[in-house]
């Protein structure tokens, strides 16, 4: 009964912070901004907390990017928090409460150049992780990154520049350039210079 009572007293604490980020946009311009980060952790979890950064996807429509909120990601964040993580859900530059220019713009659909956008998103993920690790209640050697759609490919990009203590990157249906409303089942093309030799230029 003791264990059951302890479990019944546990709950998810929700908070938010602002994290400073410095990134390059697709044209190489320097962008500095404070981004909104929603935080979730279980009150009974042992400290220091390992970190899970959960990255959102990307809409091709400016109005939908501006309307993005962390609420739809809260169920997944609470689930991860139940395993003892401090879960961070950043609202990247160009979205929702953070606002700002669209630093993830990768050009017209027939000649996309994805790398700068994914690098910008990954840089923000790393900045959030660095900001959290300044806290005494955060583990410096245990972290994972998770993402869905554009956020999934962001997780892969972070894994290509792994900070110390990164233990895993989880990609849920990662990618970019899709348009289920405007061009369903016909993803945008890469620029010819971005495609590996002998490979299709369709994503």
Protein backbone atom coordinates (compact mmCIF):
# COMPACT_ATOMS: atom_id res chain seq x y z
CA UNK A 1 0.00 0.00 0.00
CA UNK A 2 2.90 2.36 0.66
CA UNK A 3 3.98 2.28 -2.99
CA UNK A 4 0.44 2.83 -4.20
CA UNK A 5 0.01 5.83 -1.90
CA UNK A 6 3.30 7.33 -3.07
CA UNK A 7 2.23 6.91 -6.70
CA UNK A 8 -1.10 8.57 -5.95
CA UNK A 9 0.69 11.64 -4.57
CA UNK A 10 2.80 12.13 -7.70
CA UNK A 11 1.71 14.73 -10.23
CA UNK A 12 3.13 16.54 -13.24
CA UNK A 13 4.43 20.04 -12.63
CA UNK A 14 4.12 22.39 -15.61
CA UNK A 15 6.18 25.56 -15.99
CA UNK A 16 7.84 27.65 -18.69
CA UNK A 17 11.08 29.54 -19.25
CA UNK A 18 12.63 31.78 -21.87
CA UNK A 19 15.84 30.51 -23.46
CA UNK A 20 18.22 32.76 -25.43
CA UNK A 21 19.16 31.45 -28.88
CA UNK A 22 21.52 32.67 -31.58
CA UNK A 23 21.06 31.10 -34.99
CA UNK A 24 21.65 31.65 -38.70
CA UNK A 25 18.73 31.92 -41.09
CA UNK A 26 18.69 30.44 -44.59
CA UNK A 27 20.56 33.45 -45.99
CA UNK A 28 23.28 33.31 -43.36
CA UNK A 29 21.87 36.19 -41.32
CA UNK A 30 22.37 36.16 -37.56
CA UNK A 31 19.18 35.97 -35.48
CA UNK A 32 19.07 36.42 -31.71
CA UNK A 33 15.87 35.85 -29.77
CA UNK A 34 14.37 34.56 -26.54
CA UNK A 35 12.25 31.49 -27.24
CA UNK A 36 9.37 30.17 -25.16
CA UNK A 37 9.96 26.71 -23.64
CA UNK A 38 7.24 24.73 -21.84
CA UNK A 39 8.56 22.45 -19.09
CA UNK A 40 7.07 19.31 -17.56
CA UNK A 41 8.37 17.13 -14.73
CA UNK A 42 6.96 14.78 -12.12
CA UNK A 43 7.12 16.19 -8.61
CA UNK A 44 8.23 12.87 -7.09
CA UNK A 45 10.97 12.13 -9.65
CA UNK A 46 14.50 12.01 -8.25
CA UNK A 47 16.87 14.88 -8.96
CA UNK A 48 18.87 15.72 -10.94
CA UNK A 49 16.45 15.20 -13.81
CA UNK A 50 17.61 13.89 -17.18
CA UNK A 51 16.35 16.10 -20.00
CA UNK A 52 14.09 15.24 -22.92
CA UNK A 53 13.70 17.98 -25.53
CA UNK A 54 10.51 17.42 -27.56
CA UNK A 55 10.48 19.27 -30.89
CA UNK A 56 7.31 20.27 -32.74
CA UNK A 57 6.66 19.93 -36.46
CA UNK A 58 6.26 22.59 -39.13
CA UNK A 59 3.28 23.80 -41.12
CA UNK A 60 3.70 25.20 -44.60
CA UNK A 61 1.23 27.96 -43.74
CA UNK A 62 2.31 31.13 -41.93
CA UNK A 63 -1.00 31.48 -40.05
CA UNK A 64 -0.69 27.95 -38.65
CA UNK A 65 2.92 28.54 -37.60
CA UNK A 66 1.87 31.73 -35.81
CA UNK A 67 -0.93 29.87 -34.05
CA UNK A 68 1.27 27.01 -32.81
CA UNK A 69 0.92 26.20 -29.12
CA UNK A 70 2.55 23.56 -26.94
CA UNK A 71 -0.81 22.15 -25.82
CA UNK A 72 -1.00 19.38 -28.44
CA UNK A 73 2.42 18.14 -27.29
CA UNK A 74 1.51 18.16 -23.60
CA UNK A 75 0.20 14.55 -23.46
CA UNK A 76 3.48 13.19 -24.87
CA UNK A 77 5.46 15.52 -22.60
CA UNK A 78 3.58 14.35 -19.51
CA UNK A 79 4.12 10.73 -20.53
CA UNK A 80 7.89 11.28 -20.82
CA UNK A 81 7.90 13.17 -17.52
CA UNK A 82 6.45 10.06 -15.91
CA UNK A 83 9.78 8.34 -16.60
CA UNK A 84 11.64 10.97 -14.58
CA UNK A 85 12.59 13.40 -17.35
CA UNK A 86 12.47 17.16 -17.27
CA UNK A 87 10.69 17.56 -20.60
CA UNK A 88 11.25 20.75 -22.59
CA UNK A 89 8.98 21.69 -25.49
CA UNK A 90 10.56 24.68 -27.25
CA UNK A 91 8.51 26.98 -29.47
CA UNK A 92 11.10 27.73 -32.12
CA UNK A 93 11.74 31.08 -33.78
CA UNK A 94 8.99 31.83 -36.29
CA UNK A 95 6.25 30.06 -34.33
CA UNK A 96 3.58 30.86 -31.77
CA UNK A 97 4.50 32.77 -28.65
CA UNK A 98 8.16 33.07 -29.68
CA UNK A 99 7.38 34.79 -32.98
CA UNK A 100 10.00 36.27 -35.27
CA UNK A 101 10.97 35.60 -38.86
CA UNK A 102 10.67 32.21 -40.51
CA UNK A 103 14.28 31.06 -40.15
CA UNK A 104 13.35 27.57 -41.36
CA UNK A 105 12.22 28.72 -44.82
CA UNK A 106 13.96 26.44 -47.30
CA UNK A 107 12.93 28.03 -50.58
CA UNK A 108 10.38 27.22 -53.29
CA UNK A 109 8.89 23.74 -53.50
CA UNK A 110 10.67 22.80 -56.74
CA UNK A 111 14.15 23.52 -55.37
CA UNK A 112 14.30 23.15 -51.60
CA UNK A 113 17.50 23.65 -49.63
CA UNK A 114 16.67 22.03 -46.29
CA UNK A 115 19.94 22.03 -44.41
CA UNK A 116 19.96 25.62 -43.07
CA UNK A 117 16.44 25.21 -41.66
CA UNK A 118 17.24 21.96 -39.88
CA UNK A 119 20.52 23.41 -38.60
CA UNK A 120 18.64 26.43 -37.19
CA UNK A 121 16.14 24.16 -35.45
CA UNK A 122 18.94 21.96 -34.08
CA UNK A 123 20.85 25.00 -32.79
CA UNK A 124 17.77 26.03 -30.80
CA UNK A 125 17.46 22.54 -29.34
CA UNK A 126 21.09 22.64 -28.22
CA UNK A 127 20.60 26.13 -26.75
CA UNK A 128 17.61 24.93 -24.71
CA UNK A 129 19.60 21.96 -23.42
CA UNK A 130 22.49 24.27 -22.49
CA UNK A 131 20.14 26.67 -20.69
CA UNK A 132 18.55 23.87 -18.66
CA UNK A 133 21.93 22.44 -17.68
CA UNK A 134 22.69 25.68 -15.84
CA UNK A 135 20.17 24.55 -13.22
CA UNK A 136 21.16 22.51 -10.17
CA UNK A 137 18.21 20.15 -10.59
CA UNK A 138 19.22 19.07 -14.12
CA UNK A 139 21.63 16.23 -14.94
CA UNK A 140 24.60 17.32 -17.04
CA UNK A 141 25.22 13.86 -18.53
CA UNK A 142 21.78 12.49 -19.44
CA UNK A 143 19.60 13.82 -22.24
CA UNK A 144 17.57 12.73 -25.24
CA UNK A 145 16.00 14.64 -28.11
CA UNK A 146 12.65 13.66 -29.58
CA UNK A 147 10.71 15.11 -32.49
CA UNK A 148 7.78 14.69 -34.82
CA UNK A 149 7.83 15.51 -38.56
CA UNK A 150 10.17 18.51 -39.00
CA UNK A 151 11.05 18.08 -35.32
CA UNK A 152 12.00 14.45 -36.01
CA UNK A 153 14.56 15.47 -38.60
CA UNK A 154 15.71 18.14 -36.17
CA UNK A 155 16.41 15.35 -33.66
CA UNK A 156 18.54 13.59 -36.29
CA UNK A 157 20.39 16.85 -36.99
CA UNK A 158 21.12 17.26 -33.27
CA UNK A 159 22.49 13.71 -33.24
CA UNK A 160 24.92 14.79 -35.97
CA UNK A 161 26.28 17.44 -33.57
CA UNK A 162 25.92 15.53 -30.31
CA UNK A 163 26.55 17.49 -27.11
CA UNK A 164 28.12 15.66 -24.20
CA UNK A 165 25.67 13.44 -22.40
CA UNK A 166 23.27 13.02 -25.32
CA UNK A 167 22.08 9.43 -25.03
CA UNK A 168 19.54 9.17 -27.82
CA UNK A 169 17.64 10.86 -30.65
CA UNK A 170 14.11 9.68 -31.47
CA UNK A 171 12.51 10.54 -34.80
CA UNK A 172 8.76 10.20 -35.37
CA UNK A 173 7.97 10.45 -39.12
CA UNK A 174 10.69 13.02 -39.69
CA UNK A 175 10.90 15.09 -42.84
CA UNK A 176 10.14 18.37 -44.55
CA UNK A 177 8.58 19.68 -47.73
CA UNK A 178 5.29 17.84 -47.48
CA UNK A 179 2.02 19.53 -48.43
CA UNK A 180 -0.98 17.38 -47.55
CA UNK A 181 -3.36 20.21 -48.48
CA UNK A 182 -1.69 21.74 -51.53
CA UNK A 183 0.20 18.76 -53.03
CA UNK A 184 -0.66 15.51 -51.22
CA UNK A 185 1.71 12.57 -51.80
CA UNK A 186 4.07 14.79 -53.82
CA UNK A 187 6.81 16.12 -51.53
CA UNK A 188 8.95 19.03 -52.64
CA UNK A 189 12.26 18.51 -54.42
CA UNK A 190 15.79 19.12 -53.26
CA UNK A 191 18.08 21.48 -55.11
CA UNK A 192 20.23 19.48 -57.50
CA UNK A 193 23.36 20.52 -55.59
CA UNK A 194 21.92 19.05 -52.38
CA UNK A 195 21.09 15.58 -53.74
CA UNK A 196 23.58 12.71 -53.40
CA UNK A 197 24.89 11.39 -56.72
CA UNK A 198 22.73 8.65 -58.16
CA UNK A 199 19.84 9.29 -55.75
CA UNK A 200 16.33 10.56 -56.34
CA UNK A 201 15.79 14.24 -55.64
CA UNK A 202 12.34 13.63 -54.19
CA UNK A 203 11.84 13.54 -50.42
